[in-house]
Amino acid sequence: MSLLRVENLSKEFGGVHAVEGLNYEIQPGAVHSIIGPNGAGKTTLLNMLTGVYIPSDGRIIFEEHDLTGLAPFEYAAHGIARTFQNLQVFFNMSALENVMVGRYLHERCGLASALLRFPRLARAERACRDEAAELMRYVGLQDYLSTASTAMPYGALKRLEIARALATQPRLILLDEPAAGLNPTEALDLDVLIGRLTERGITVVLVEHNMRLVMGVSDHILVLDYGRKLAEGAAAAVRNDPRVIEAYLGSSVASDGAAASAGSAASAASAASAASGGGQADLRGTSH
């Protein structure tokens, strides 16, 4: 049984379809990557899967519950968390406090307890702080436990968002370009962290332009192009698909690839990925 599925999912803006008629399933315990050129609809899809956008048509089913039309906090309450393409960090808070914010769904002390400072509030705050600190250590931020978020480097802030998402205790986490702006060493560390998330029993959906990362961690890849499903399957199958090569590299390259053997097509795709720098194979840009 799938963890999440979308049925005939569509989103349009002023008559322009950002996502159109998408049917897609996410299996539990796996790493699912969503890739595609500029304007493919990747981030729009993530926004629908977390309640930021309400679909124009179709349904979103998570653990057999229809979440279509719910607010973002309700998606989080059902066990779906995310990070963002552009950092969404509370820079007026410390790093630890940012992660503590993610615990809000699981805190049970109300307004009266806060005003009267009941002992259970103090105990709950200590437990929340301890849990946040443990999550920071889990993502490799143990050196920033007492640091203001404004003093953290960019790569650490990316991990901070993952720690905050984990604080919601998700069963599904969606990572929107987590490797963007990272150096090769940081990207390799991210690869390891994603593997640890699945070992923790968390299903991962990754939207990413770094093809080396995508091909290295993914159990399943969905390729979008102009809002529609272009291809899906295992990494090797997607990498050698002439339609995918055409979407990324242009029709002339795809024609050459179709005439060549599957091995030659794979070599061409790998060479193009390396030439574009850091595994970035998206030649239409990085916006959505």
Foldseek 3Di string as FASTA:
>chain_A
DFQKWWAQFWADDPNQTLAGGDTDTHHFLFEEEEEFFASQNPVVVVCQLQAVDQTPDTFMAGPNDTCHNPHNVVSLLVFEFEADPDHDFDQVAALLVRLLVLQVSVDDDDDVCVVVVDVVVVVSVVVSSVLSQVLCVLLPNNVRSPGRPVPDDPLSSLSSRVSSRCSSVHQEYEYEASCVPPDPVSLVSVLVSVVVCSVVRHYYYYYHQQQVSCLSRGQKYFYGGSNYTPDMDHSLVLLQDLSNCCRQPNDVLSVVSVVDDSVVSNVVSVVCLVVVPNSRRRPNDDHD
